[in-house]
Amino acid sequence: MRRAFDIGLSGLAIIILLPLLFFIAIVLKFSGEGKIFYRQIRVGMNGQHFGLLKFATMLEHSPFIGTGSITIKNDYRVLPVGKFLRWSKLNELPQLWNILVGDMSVVGPRPMVPDTFARYDIVAQKMLNTVRPGLTGVGSVVFRNEEQLLDGRDDAVAFYIEEIAPYKSQLEVWFVQNNTLYNYFKLIGLTVWVVLLPSEKSIVFKVLKGLPELPSSLRV
């Protein structure tokens, strides 16, 4: 049933958004470094690696400079058009293809790069490996302002590893334990809400009962 919704929703979205996708591709082709798509290895279901697709928003060799796979506010590696695409989350739209072919679900734990995933404890890794990662999910909604959280930190990478990643893993484990079709559609609605009203992300704690408490270090 879940897979049928994934195929139906992603297929319909691709058809409806095709003009927008084409327009963004043209803009990216003739701006920045001329790259349209960025493919990054992420950890999927059963621990299998897959190539997650995004519209290119950063300098081509960004993973090897600056803060690596972690992006901070006003990151110098982000290209001019990329700033808008990242703010609006339009850069994530190519993942509709990942959903259609079965790499991902519409809703699920956010797929991590292997190095970050390896920092989760073994129990969390095993649980997350039982479901498809998602285009959106509870971690994505709660950390809608992740770049803002990292802004101004003396060591953004350390803060991510020590504060954000552990709590994010707790959220994703909560999702696996409460992986119902009801929460699937709740999280789709919450995603739309926080994209349109990013300052209202606290609503997730009211709509989804029993979420792990947000640590004081992550409250903005």
N, C-alpha and C. Protein backbone atom coordinates (compact mmCIF):
# COMPACT_ATOMS: atom_id res chain seq x y z
N MET A 1 0.83 -1.21 0.00
CA MET A 1 0.00 0.00 0.00
C MET A 1 0.87 1.27 0.00
N ARG A 2 1.89 1.32 0.89
CA ARG A 2 2.76 2.48 0.98
C ARG A 2 3.48 2.72 -0.35
N ARG A 3 3.97 1.64 -0.94
CA ARG A 3 4.69 1.77 -2.20
C ARG A 3 3.77 2.29 -3.31
N ALA A 4 2.52 1.89 -3.27
CA ALA A 4 1.57 2.37 -4.28
C ALA A 4 1.37 3.88 -4.15
N PHE A 5 1.28 4.37 -2.91
CA PHE A 5 1.15 5.82 -2.70
C PHE A 5 2.42 6.53 -3.17
N ASP A 6 3.58 5.94 -2.88
CA ASP A 6 4.85 6.55 -3.31
C ASP A 6 4.89 6.70 -4.83
N ILE A 7 4.55 5.63 -5.53
CA ILE A 7 4.59 5.67 -6.99
C ILE A 7 3.57 6.66 -7.53
N GLY A 8 2.35 6.61 -7.00
CA GLY A 8 1.30 7.51 -7.47
C GLY A 8 1.61 8.98 -7.23
N LEU A 9 2.06 9.29 -6.00
CA LEU A 9 2.33 10.69 -5.66
C LEU A 9 3.56 11.23 -6.39
N SER A 10 4.62 10.44 -6.48
CA SER A 10 5.82 10.92 -7.16
C SER A 10 5.60 11.04 -8.66
N GLY A 11 4.89 10.08 -9.24
CA GLY A 11 4.60 10.14 -10.67
C GLY A 11 3.73 11.33 -11.02
N LEU A 12 2.71 11.57 -10.22
CA LEU A 12 1.82 12.71 -10.45
C LEU A 12 2.57 14.02 -10.28
N ALA A 13 3.42 14.09 -9.25
CA ALA A 13 4.18 15.31 -9.00
C ALA A 13 5.13 15.62 -10.15
N ILE A 14 5.79 14.59 -10.70
CA ILE A 14 6.70 14.80 -11.82
C ILE A 14 5.95 15.36 -13.02
N ILE A 15 4.78 14.81 -13.30
CA ILE A 15 3.98 15.28 -14.44
C ILE A 15 3.55 16.74 -14.24
N ILE A 16 3.05 17.05 -13.06
CA ILE A 16 2.56 18.40 -12.77
C ILE A 16 3.70 19.42 -12.76
N LEU A 17 4.84 19.01 -12.19
CA LEU A 17 5.96 19.93 -12.01
C LEU A 17 6.94 19.94 -13.17
N LEU A 18 6.67 19.18 -14.22
CA LEU A 18 7.61 19.08 -15.33
C LEU A 18 8.02 20.43 -15.91
N PRO A 19 7.09 21.37 -16.14
CA PRO A 19 7.50 22.69 -16.65
C PRO A 19 8.47 23.40 -15.69
N LEU A 20 8.20 23.33 -14.38
CA LEU A 20 9.07 23.96 -13.39
C LEU A 20 10.44 23.28 -13.37
N LEU A 21 10.45 21.96 -13.42
CA LEU A 21 11.71 21.21 -13.42
C LEU A 21 12.56 21.59 -14.63
N PHE A 22 11.91 21.71 -15.78
CA PHE A 22 12.60 22.08 -17.02
C PHE A 22 13.16 23.50 -16.92
N PHE A 23 12.37 24.40 -16.35
CA PHE A 23 12.81 25.80 -16.21
C PHE A 23 14.03 25.89 -15.30
N ILE A 24 13.98 25.19 -14.16
CA ILE A 24 15.11 25.21 -13.23
C ILE A 24 16.36 24.64 -13.91
N ALA A 25 16.18 23.56 -14.68
CA ALA A 25 17.31 22.94 -15.37
C ALA A 25 17.96 23.92 -16.35
N ILE A 26 17.16 24.68 -17.08
CA ILE A 26 17.68 25.66 -18.03
C ILE A 26 18.46 26.76 -17.30
N VAL A 27 17.88 27.25 -16.20
CA VAL A 27 18.54 28.31 -15.42
C VAL A 27 19.90 27.83 -14.92
N LEU A 28 19.94 26.61 -14.37
CA LEU A 28 21.18 26.08 -13.83
C LEU A 28 22.22 25.83 -14.93
N LYS A 29 21.74 25.43 -16.10
CA LYS A 29 22.65 25.16 -17.20
C LYS A 29 23.43 26.42 -17.60
N PHE A 30 22.77 27.56 -17.50
CA PHE A 30 23.40 28.80 -17.96
C PHE A 30 23.79 29.73 -16.81
N SER A 31 23.94 29.17 -15.62
CA SER A 31 24.38 29.96 -14.47
C SER A 31 25.36 29.13 -13.65
N GLY A 32 26.03 29.78 -12.71
CA GLY A 32 26.94 29.05 -11.83
C GLY A 32 28.00 28.29 -12.61
N GLU A 33 28.13 27.01 -12.33
CA GLU A 33 29.13 26.17 -12.98
C GLU A 33 28.53 25.38 -14.15
N GLY A 34 27.28 25.65 -14.48
CA GLY A 34 26.66 24.97 -15.60
C GLY A 34 26.22 23.55 -15.31
N LYS A 35 26.22 23.18 -14.04
CA LYS A 35 25.77 21.84 -13.65
C LYS A 35 24.28 21.88 -13.34
N ILE A 36 23.56 20.84 -13.72
CA ILE A 36 22.12 20.77 -13.46
C ILE A 36 21.83 19.90 -12.25
N PHE A 37 22.41 18.73 -12.23
CA PHE A 37 22.13 17.79 -11.14
C PHE A 37 23.38 17.49 -10.32
N TYR A 38 23.13 17.17 -9.07
CA TYR A 38 24.18 16.73 -8.16
C TYR A 38 23.77 15.36 -7.62
N ARG A 39 24.65 14.40 -7.75
CA ARG A 39 24.36 13.04 -7.28
C ARG A 39 25.29 12.72 -6.12
N GLN A 40 24.70 12.35 -5.00
CA GLN A 40 25.48 12.07 -3.80
C GLN A 40 25.12 10.70 -3.25
N ILE A 41 26.12 9.93 -2.86
CA ILE A 41 25.89 8.59 -2.31
C ILE A 41 25.27 8.71 -0.92
N ARG A 42 24.15 8.04 -0.72
CA ARG A 42 23.47 8.01 0.56
C ARG A 42 23.17 6.56 0.94
N VAL A 43 22.83 6.35 2.21
CA VAL A 43 22.50 5.01 2.71
C VAL A 43 20.99 4.80 2.63
N GLY A 44 20.60 3.73 1.96
CA GLY A 44 19.18 3.44 1.79
C GLY A 44 18.73 2.22 2.58
N MET A 45 17.60 1.68 2.17
CA MET A 45 17.01 0.52 2.84
C MET A 45 17.98 -0.66 2.79
N ASN A 46 18.01 -1.42 3.88
CA ASN A 46 18.91 -2.58 4.03
C ASN A 46 20.39 -2.20 3.95
N GLY A 47 20.68 -0.91 4.20
CA GLY A 47 22.06 -0.47 4.20
C GLY A 47 22.66 -0.31 2.82
N GLN A 48 21.84 -0.46 1.77
CA GLN A 48 22.33 -0.34 0.40
C GLN A 48 22.57 1.13 0.05
N HIS A 49 23.67 1.41 -0.65
CA HIS A 49 23.96 2.76 -1.07
C HIS A 49 23.26 3.07 -2.40
N PHE A 50 22.83 4.32 -2.57
CA PHE A 50 22.21 4.73 -3.83
C PHE A 50 22.59 6.18 -4.10
N GLY A 51 22.40 6.60 -5.33
CA GLY A 51 22.73 7.97 -5.72
C GLY A 51 21.54 8.90 -5.57
N LEU A 52 21.55 9.72 -4.53
CA LEU A 52 20.47 10.68 -4.30
C LEU A 52 20.66 11.87 -5.24
N LEU A 53 19.57 12.28 -5.89
CA LEU A 53 19.62 13.37 -6.86
C LEU A 53 19.12 14.68 -6.27
N LYS A 54 19.82 15.75 -6.59
CA LYS A 54 19.38 17.10 -6.24
C LYS A 54 19.73 18.02 -7.40
N PHE A 55 19.06 19.16 -7.47
CA PHE A 55 19.54 20.19 -8.37
C PHE A 55 20.84 20.73 -7.79
N ALA A 56 21.82 21.01 -8.65
CA ALA A 56 23.11 21.51 -8.20
C ALA A 56 22.95 22.92 -7.64
N THR A 57 23.39 23.10 -6.39
CA THR A 57 23.27 24.41 -5.75
C THR A 57 24.61 24.93 -5.22
N MET A 58 25.64 24.10 -5.27
CA MET A 58 26.92 24.47 -4.67
C MET A 58 28.07 24.27 -5.66
N LEU A 59 29.23 24.78 -5.30
CA LEU A 59 30.42 24.56 -6.10
C LEU A 59 30.64 23.06 -6.27
N GLU A 60 31.14 22.68 -7.43
CA GLU A 60 31.22 21.27 -7.79
C GLU A 60 31.99 20.42 -6.78
N HIS A 61 33.06 20.95 -6.21
CA HIS A 61 33.89 20.17 -5.29
C HIS A 61 33.61 20.50 -3.82
N SER A 62 32.39 20.96 -3.53
CA SER A 62 32.02 21.36 -2.18
C SER A 62 32.25 20.30 -1.10
N PRO A 63 31.99 19.00 -1.39
CA PRO A 63 32.20 17.99 -0.34
C PRO A 63 33.64 17.90 0.15
N PHE A 64 34.56 18.47 -0.61
CA PHE A 64 35.98 18.33 -0.26
C PHE A 64 36.59 19.63 0.26
N ILE A 65 35.74 20.65 0.44
CA ILE A 65 36.24 21.93 0.96
C ILE A 65 35.30 22.43 2.05
N GLY A 66 35.76 23.39 2.83
CA GLY A 66 34.92 23.97 3.88
C GLY A 66 34.47 22.95 4.90
N THR A 67 33.17 22.94 5.17
CA THR A 67 32.60 22.04 6.17
C THR A 67 32.11 20.72 5.58
N GLY A 68 32.56 20.40 4.37
CA GLY A 68 32.24 19.11 3.77
C GLY A 68 30.76 18.94 3.46
N SER A 69 30.17 17.84 3.98
CA SER A 69 28.77 17.53 3.70
C SER A 69 27.80 18.36 4.54
N ILE A 70 28.32 19.18 5.44
CA ILE A 70 27.48 20.02 6.29
C ILE A 70 27.46 21.43 5.73
N THR A 71 26.25 21.96 5.53
CA THR A 71 26.10 23.31 4.98
C THR A 71 25.65 24.27 6.07
N ILE A 72 26.34 25.40 6.17
CA ILE A 72 26.00 26.41 7.17
C ILE A 72 25.34 27.61 6.51
N LYS A 73 24.76 28.49 7.32
CA LYS A 73 24.12 29.68 6.81
C LYS A 73 25.14 30.56 6.10
N ASN A 74 24.75 31.13 4.96
CA ASN A 74 25.64 31.98 4.16
C ASN A 74 26.92 31.26 3.75
N ASP A 75 26.81 29.97 3.53
CA ASP A 75 27.95 29.15 3.11
C ASP A 75 28.48 29.68 1.78
N TYR A 76 29.78 30.00 1.73
CA TYR A 76 30.36 30.59 0.52
C TYR A 76 30.33 29.64 -0.67
N ARG A 77 30.12 28.35 -0.42
CA ARG A 77 30.11 27.37 -1.51
C ARG A 77 28.79 27.33 -2.27
N VAL A 78 27.75 27.95 -1.71
CA VAL A 78 26.43 27.94 -2.35
C VAL A 78 26.40 28.98 -3.46
N LEU A 79 25.97 28.57 -4.64
CA LEU A 79 25.89 29.45 -5.79
C LEU A 79 24.67 30.37 -5.68
N PRO A 80 24.66 31.51 -6.39
CA PRO A 80 23.56 32.49 -6.28
C PRO A 80 22.17 31.88 -6.48
N VAL A 81 21.96 31.15 -7.56
CA VAL A 81 20.65 30.52 -7.80
C VAL A 81 20.39 29.45 -6.74
N GLY A 82 21.47 28.80 -6.31
CA GLY A 82 21.34 27.74 -5.32
C GLY A 82 20.77 28.21 -4.00
N LYS A 83 21.03 29.46 -3.63
CA LYS A 83 20.50 29.98 -2.37
C LYS A 83 18.98 29.93 -2.35
N PHE A 84 18.36 30.35 -3.46
CA PHE A 84 16.90 30.32 -3.53
C PHE A 84 16.39 28.88 -3.58
N LEU A 85 17.05 28.05 -4.36
CA LEU A 85 16.60 26.66 -4.47
C LEU A 85 16.67 25.94 -3.13
N ARG A 86 17.71 26.22 -2.36
CA ARG A 86 17.84 25.57 -1.05
C ARG A 86 16.83 26.12 -0.05
N TRP A 87 16.62 27.45 -0.07
CA TRP A 87 15.66 28.07 0.84
C TRP A 87 14.24 27.54 0.58
N SER A 88 13.90 27.41 -0.69
CA SER A 88 12.55 26.97 -1.07
C SER A 88 12.41 25.45 -1.09
N LYS A 89 13.53 24.74 -0.96
CA LYS A 89 13.59 23.28 -1.03
C LYS A 89 13.32 22.74 -2.43
N LEU A 90 13.32 23.61 -3.43
CA LEU A 90 13.13 23.16 -4.81
C LEU A 90 14.30 22.29 -5.27
N ASN A 91 15.45 22.45 -4.62
CA ASN A 91 16.61 21.64 -5.00
C ASN A 91 16.39 20.15 -4.74
N GLU A 92 15.38 19.82 -3.90
CA GLU A 92 15.12 18.43 -3.56
C GLU A 92 14.22 17.72 -4.57
N LEU A 93 13.61 18.46 -5.49
CA LEU A 93 12.62 17.89 -6.39
C LEU A 93 13.11 16.71 -7.24
N PRO A 94 14.37 16.69 -7.70
CA PRO A 94 14.82 15.53 -8.47
C PRO A 94 14.70 14.20 -7.73
N GLN A 95 14.57 14.26 -6.40
CA GLN A 95 14.41 13.02 -5.64
C GLN A 95 13.06 12.35 -5.90
N LEU A 96 12.18 13.04 -6.58
CA LEU A 96 10.94 12.39 -7.01
C LEU A 96 11.27 11.18 -7.89
N TRP A 97 12.35 11.29 -8.64
CA TRP A 97 12.79 10.15 -9.47
C TRP A 97 13.29 9.03 -8.57
N ASN A 98 14.05 9.35 -7.52
CA ASN A 98 14.50 8.33 -6.58
C ASN A 98 13.32 7.59 -5.96
N ILE A 99 12.24 8.33 -5.70
CA ILE A 99 11.04 7.70 -5.14
C ILE A 99 10.40 6.78 -6.16
N LEU A 100 10.27 7.26 -7.38
CA LEU A 100 9.60 6.50 -8.43
C LEU A 100 10.30 5.17 -8.70
N VAL A 101 11.62 5.17 -8.66
CA VAL A 101 12.36 3.93 -8.97
C VAL A 101 12.58 3.05 -7.75
N GLY A 102 12.16 3.53 -6.57
CA GLY A 102 12.20 2.67 -5.38
C GLY A 102 13.36 2.87 -4.44
N ASP A 103 14.23 3.86 -4.70
CA ASP A 103 15.33 4.14 -3.76
C ASP A 103 14.80 4.73 -2.47
N MET A 104 13.72 5.51 -2.58
CA MET A 104 13.21 6.28 -1.46
C MET A 104 11.69 6.18 -1.39
N SER A 105 11.17 6.70 -0.30
CA SER A 105 9.73 6.87 -0.11
C SER A 105 9.46 8.38 -0.04
N VAL A 106 8.20 8.77 -0.15
CA VAL A 106 7.87 10.18 0.05
C VAL A 106 8.20 10.58 1.48
N VAL A 107 7.88 9.70 2.42
CA VAL A 107 8.10 9.97 3.85
C VAL A 107 8.96 8.88 4.46
N GLY A 108 9.96 9.29 5.23
CA GLY A 108 10.82 8.32 5.89
C GLY A 108 12.00 9.03 6.53
N PRO A 109 12.90 8.29 7.14
CA PRO A 109 14.10 8.90 7.70
C PRO A 109 14.91 9.54 6.57
N ARG A 110 15.48 10.70 6.83
CA ARG A 110 16.26 11.36 5.79
C ARG A 110 17.50 10.53 5.51
N PRO A 111 17.79 10.20 4.23
CA PRO A 111 18.97 9.39 3.93
C PRO A 111 20.27 10.14 4.23
N MET A 112 21.15 9.49 4.94
CA MET A 112 22.40 10.10 5.37
C MET A 112 23.55 9.68 4.45
N VAL A 113 24.59 10.53 4.40
CA VAL A 113 25.83 10.10 3.75
C VAL A 113 26.44 9.03 4.65
N PRO A 114 27.19 8.10 4.08
CA PRO A 114 27.72 6.97 4.88
C PRO A 114 28.45 7.39 6.15
N ASP A 115 29.28 8.43 6.08
CA ASP A 115 30.05 8.85 7.27
C ASP A 115 29.14 9.28 8.41
N THR A 116 28.09 10.05 8.08
CA THR A 116 27.16 10.51 9.11
C THR A 116 26.34 9.35 9.66
N PHE A 117 25.87 8.48 8.76
CA PHE A 117 25.08 7.33 9.19
C PHE A 117 25.88 6.45 10.14
N ALA A 118 27.18 6.33 9.90
CA ALA A 118 28.03 5.49 10.74
C ALA A 118 28.15 6.03 12.16
N ARG A 119 27.80 7.31 12.35
CA ARG A 119 27.88 7.91 13.69
C ARG A 119 26.65 7.59 14.53
N TYR A 120 25.58 7.10 13.90
CA TYR A 120 24.41 6.66 14.65
C TYR A 120 24.78 5.37 15.38
N ASP A 121 24.14 5.14 16.53
CA ASP A 121 24.44 3.90 17.24
C ASP A 121 23.91 2.70 16.46
N ILE A 122 24.43 1.52 16.77
CA ILE A 122 24.13 0.31 16.00
C ILE A 122 22.64 -0.01 16.00
N VAL A 123 21.97 0.19 17.15
CA VAL A 123 20.54 -0.10 17.23
C VAL A 123 19.76 0.80 16.26
N ALA A 124 20.10 2.09 16.24
CA ALA A 124 19.44 3.03 15.34
C ALA A 124 19.69 2.66 13.89
N GLN A 125 20.92 2.30 13.57
CA GLN A 125 21.25 1.92 12.19
C GLN A 125 20.41 0.73 11.73
N LYS A 126 20.31 -0.27 12.58
CA LYS A 126 19.54 -1.46 12.22
C LYS A 126 18.07 -1.13 12.01
N MET A 127 17.52 -0.26 12.85
CA MET A 127 16.11 0.10 12.71
C MET A 127 15.87 0.91 11.43
N LEU A 128 16.76 1.87 11.16
CA LEU A 128 16.59 2.71 9.98
C LEU A 128 16.76 1.91 8.70
N ASN A 129 17.53 0.85 8.75
CA ASN A 129 17.74 0.01 7.56
C ASN A 129 16.50 -0.78 7.17
N THR A 130 15.49 -0.79 8.04
CA THR A 130 14.29 -1.59 7.75
C THR A 130 13.27 -0.84 6.90
N VAL A 131 13.49 0.46 6.67
CA VAL A 131 12.52 1.24 5.89
C VAL A 131 13.25 2.04 4.80
N ARG A 132 12.49 2.44 3.79
CA ARG A 132 13.07 3.31 2.77
C ARG A 132 13.26 4.71 3.35
N PRO A 133 14.37 5.36 3.03
CA PRO A 133 14.54 6.75 3.46
C PRO A 133 13.55 7.64 2.70
N GLY A 134 13.31 8.84 3.23
CA GLY A 134 12.26 9.67 2.66
C GLY A 134 12.71 11.01 2.12
N LEU A 135 11.92 11.53 1.19
CA LEU A 135 12.10 12.89 0.70
C LEU A 135 11.86 13.87 1.84
N THR A 136 10.90 13.53 2.68
CA THR A 136 10.64 14.30 3.89
C THR A 136 10.40 13.33 5.03
N GLY A 137 10.34 13.87 6.24
CA GLY A 137 10.13 13.04 7.41
C GLY A 137 10.21 13.90 8.65
N VAL A 138 10.11 13.27 9.80
CA VAL A 138 10.10 14.05 11.04
C VAL A 138 11.42 14.79 11.24
N GLY A 139 12.54 14.16 10.88
CA GLY A 139 13.83 14.84 11.00
C GLY A 139 13.93 16.05 10.09
N SER A 140 13.40 15.92 8.88
CA SER A 140 13.43 17.02 7.92
C SER A 140 12.59 18.19 8.40
N VAL A 141 11.44 17.90 9.01
CA VAL A 141 10.55 18.96 9.48
C VAL A 141 11.14 19.68 10.69
N VAL A 142 11.61 18.91 11.67
CA VAL A 142 12.17 19.52 12.88
C VAL A 142 13.42 20.33 12.56
N PHE A 143 14.23 19.83 11.63
CA PHE A 143 15.48 20.52 11.29
C PHE A 143 15.37 21.32 10.00
N ARG A 144 14.20 21.91 9.81
CA ARG A 144 13.99 22.79 8.66
C ARG A 144 15.00 23.95 8.68
N ASN A 145 15.42 24.36 9.88
CA ASN A 145 16.35 25.50 10.03
C ASN A 145 17.74 25.04 10.43
N GLU A 146 18.18 23.89 9.94
CA GLU A 146 19.47 23.33 10.36
C GLU A 146 20.63 24.29 10.10
N GLU A 147 20.60 24.97 8.95
CA GLU A 147 21.70 25.89 8.64
C GLU A 147 21.74 27.05 9.63
N GLN A 148 20.56 27.47 10.10
CA GLN A 148 20.50 28.54 11.11
C GLN A 148 21.09 28.07 12.43
N LEU A 149 20.84 26.81 12.78
CA LEU A 149 21.38 26.26 14.02
C LEU A 149 22.91 26.23 14.00
N LEU A 150 23.46 26.02 12.81
CA LEU A 150 24.91 25.92 12.68
C LEU A 150 25.59 27.27 12.53
N ASP A 151 24.78 28.30 12.27
CA ASP A 151 25.33 29.64 12.02
C ASP A 151 26.06 30.18 13.25
N GLY A 152 27.27 30.67 13.07
CA GLY A 152 28.02 31.30 14.15
C GLY A 152 28.73 30.36 15.09
N ARG A 153 28.64 29.06 14.85
CA ARG A 153 29.34 28.10 15.73
C ARG A 153 30.84 28.13 15.44
N ASP A 154 31.64 28.06 16.49
CA ASP A 154 33.08 28.02 16.30
C ASP A 154 33.49 26.78 15.52
N ASP A 155 32.79 25.67 15.79
CA ASP A 155 33.07 24.42 15.08
C ASP A 155 31.73 23.80 14.71
N ALA A 156 31.22 24.17 13.52
CA ALA A 156 29.91 23.71 13.08
C ALA A 156 29.87 22.20 12.91
N VAL A 157 30.96 21.63 12.44
CA VAL A 157 31.00 20.18 12.23
C VAL A 157 30.86 19.45 13.56
N ALA A 158 31.60 19.90 14.58
CA ALA A 158 31.54 19.27 15.91
C ALA A 158 30.14 19.40 16.50
N PHE A 159 29.52 20.58 16.34
CA PHE A 159 28.18 20.78 16.88
C PHE A 159 27.19 19.84 16.20
N TYR A 160 27.33 19.67 14.89
CA TYR A 160 26.44 18.75 14.17
C TYR A 160 26.61 17.33 14.71
N ILE A 161 27.85 16.90 14.84
CA ILE A 161 28.13 15.53 15.27
C ILE A 161 27.67 15.28 16.71
N GLU A 162 27.92 16.25 17.58
CA GLU A 162 27.66 16.05 19.01
C GLU A 162 26.24 16.38 19.44
N GLU A 163 25.58 17.31 18.74
CA GLU A 163 24.25 17.76 19.17
C GLU A 163 23.13 17.39 18.19
N ILE A 164 23.32 17.71 16.93
CA ILE A 164 22.25 17.50 15.95
C ILE A 164 22.07 16.04 15.58
N ALA A 165 23.15 15.37 15.19
CA ALA A 165 23.05 13.99 14.73
C ALA A 165 22.42 13.05 15.77
N PRO A 166 22.81 13.10 17.05
CA PRO A 166 22.20 12.19 18.03
C PRO A 166 20.68 12.41 18.16
N TYR A 167 20.26 13.68 18.19
CA TYR A 167 18.83 13.93 18.33
C TYR A 167 18.09 13.55 17.05
N LYS A 168 18.71 13.82 15.91
CA LYS A 168 18.08 13.47 14.65
C LYS A 168 17.86 11.95 14.56
N SER A 169 18.83 11.18 15.05
CA SER A 169 18.67 9.72 15.03
C SER A 169 17.52 9.28 15.93
N GLN A 170 17.32 9.98 17.07
CA GLN A 170 16.19 9.66 17.95
C GLN A 170 14.86 9.91 17.24
N LEU A 171 14.79 11.01 16.50
CA LEU A 171 13.58 11.33 15.75
C LEU A 171 13.28 10.27 14.69
N GLU A 172 14.33 9.86 13.98
CA GLU A 172 14.13 8.89 12.92
C GLU A 172 13.73 7.52 13.47
N VAL A 173 14.30 7.17 14.62
CA VAL A 173 13.90 5.92 15.27
C VAL A 173 12.44 6.00 15.69
N TRP A 174 12.02 7.16 16.20
CA TRP A 174 10.61 7.35 16.56
C TRP A 174 9.73 7.09 15.35
N PHE A 175 10.15 7.59 14.18
CA PHE A 175 9.34 7.38 12.98
C PHE A 175 9.20 5.90 12.65
N VAL A 176 10.31 5.17 12.71
CA VAL A 176 10.26 3.74 12.39
C VAL A 176 9.31 3.02 13.35
N GLN A 177 9.33 3.43 14.61
CA GLN A 177 8.46 2.80 15.60
C GLN A 177 7.01 3.21 15.45
N ASN A 178 6.77 4.30 14.75
CA ASN A 178 5.40 4.81 14.57
C ASN A 178 5.10 5.00 13.08
N ASN A 179 5.57 4.04 12.30
CA ASN A 179 5.49 4.12 10.84
C ASN A 179 4.12 3.66 10.33
N THR A 180 3.15 4.55 10.47
CA THR A 180 1.79 4.25 10.02
C THR A 180 1.42 5.11 8.82
N LEU A 181 0.41 4.68 8.09
CA LEU A 181 -0.06 5.45 6.94
C LEU A 181 -0.61 6.80 7.40
N TYR A 182 -1.17 6.82 8.61
CA TYR A 182 -1.70 8.06 9.17
C TYR A 182 -0.57 9.07 9.36
N ASN A 183 0.54 8.64 9.94
CA ASN A 183 1.67 9.54 10.13
C ASN A 183 2.33 9.91 8.81
N TYR A 184 2.26 9.01 7.83
CA TYR A 184 2.78 9.28 6.48
C TYR A 184 2.12 10.54 5.93
N PHE A 185 0.79 10.59 6.00
CA PHE A 185 0.08 11.75 5.45
C PHE A 185 0.19 12.96 6.38
N LYS A 186 0.29 12.73 7.68
CA LYS A 186 0.52 13.84 8.60
C LYS A 186 1.82 14.57 8.26
N LEU A 187 2.86 13.80 7.98
CA LEU A 187 4.17 14.39 7.71
C LEU A 187 4.22 15.09 6.35
N ILE A 188 3.44 14.62 5.40
CA ILE A 188 3.33 15.34 4.13
C ILE A 188 2.71 16.70 4.39
N GLY A 189 1.63 16.73 5.19
CA GLY A 189 0.99 18.00 5.52
C GLY A 189 1.89 18.92 6.32
N LEU A 190 2.63 18.36 7.28
CA LEU A 190 3.55 19.16 8.09
C LEU A 190 4.68 19.74 7.25
N THR A 191 5.12 18.99 6.26
CA THR A 191 6.18 19.48 5.37
C THR A 191 5.72 20.71 4.60
N VAL A 192 4.53 20.63 4.05
CA VAL A 192 3.96 21.78 3.33
C VAL A 192 3.85 22.98 4.27
N TRP A 193 3.43 22.72 5.50
CA TRP A 193 3.25 23.78 6.48
C TRP A 193 4.57 24.50 6.78
N VAL A 194 5.64 23.74 7.07
CA VAL A 194 6.90 24.38 7.46
C VAL A 194 7.63 25.00 6.28
N VAL A 195 7.35 24.53 5.05
CA VAL A 195 7.93 25.17 3.87
C VAL A 195 7.29 26.55 3.67
N LEU A 196 5.97 26.61 3.85
CA LEU A 196 5.25 27.87 3.67
C LEU A 196 5.43 28.80 4.88
N LEU A 197 5.52 28.20 6.08
CA LEU A 197 5.66 28.98 7.31
C LEU A 197 6.81 28.41 8.15
N PRO A 198 8.06 28.64 7.72
CA PRO A 198 9.21 28.02 8.39
C PRO A 198 9.35 28.37 9.86
N SER A 199 8.81 29.50 10.28
CA SER A 199 8.93 29.88 11.69
C SER A 199 7.95 29.12 12.58
N GLU A 200 7.07 28.33 11.97
CA GLU A 200 6.05 27.62 12.74
C GLU A 200 6.33 26.12 12.85
N LYS A 201 7.61 25.75 12.79
CA LYS A 201 7.95 24.33 12.79
C LYS A 201 7.60 23.62 14.10
N SER A 202 7.38 24.38 15.19
CA SER A 202 7.05 23.76 16.48
C SER A 202 5.74 23.00 16.44
N ILE A 203 4.96 23.23 15.39
CA ILE A 203 3.67 22.54 15.27
C ILE A 203 3.86 21.03 15.21
N VAL A 204 5.03 20.58 14.74
CA VAL A 204 5.26 19.15 14.62
C VAL A 204 5.14 18.46 15.97
N PHE A 205 5.55 19.13 17.06
CA PHE A 205 5.50 18.53 18.39
C PHE A 205 4.06 18.47 18.92
N LYS A 206 3.18 19.28 18.34
CA LYS A 206 1.77 19.25 18.74
C LYS A 206 0.99 18.20 17.95
N VAL A 207 1.38 18.02 16.69
CA VAL A 207 0.67 17.09 15.82
C VAL A 207 1.13 15.65 16.02
N LEU A 208 2.44 15.47 16.20
CA LEU A 208 3.00 14.13 16.40
C LEU A 208 3.28 13.92 17.88
N LYS A 209 2.49 13.13 18.53
CA LYS A 209 2.61 12.93 19.97
C LYS A 209 3.74 11.95 20.29
N GLY A 210 4.44 12.22 21.38
CA GLY A 210 5.47 11.30 21.86
C GLY A 210 6.83 11.47 21.24
N LEU A 211 7.06 12.57 20.52
CA LEU A 211 8.39 12.79 19.96
C LEU A 211 9.41 13.01 21.07
N PRO A 212 10.65 12.59 20.86
CA PRO A 212 11.70 12.87 21.86
C PRO A 212 11.79 14.37 22.10
N GLU A 213 11.99 14.75 23.35
CA GLU A 213 12.04 16.18 23.69
C GLU A 213 13.23 16.87 23.04
N LEU A 214 12.99 18.07 22.52
CA LEU A 214 14.04 18.83 21.86
C LEU A 214 15.04 19.33 22.89
N PRO A 215 16.32 19.00 22.73
CA PRO A 215 17.35 19.48 23.70
C PRO A 215 17.44 20.99 23.68
N SER A 216 17.78 21.57 24.81
CA SER A 216 17.86 23.03 24.92
C SER A 216 18.88 23.62 23.95
N SER A 217 19.93 22.87 23.64
CA SER A 217 20.98 23.36 22.74
C SER A 217 20.48 23.53 21.31
N LEU A 218 19.32 22.93 20.98
CA LEU A 218 18.80 22.97 19.62
C LEU A 218 17.58 23.86 19.48
N ARG A 219 17.27 24.59 20.53
CA ARG A 219 16.11 25.50 20.48
C ARG A 219 16.56 26.86 20.01
N VAL A 220 15.85 27.39 19.02
CA VAL A 220 16.20 28.70 18.46
C VAL A 220 15.07 29.68 18.74
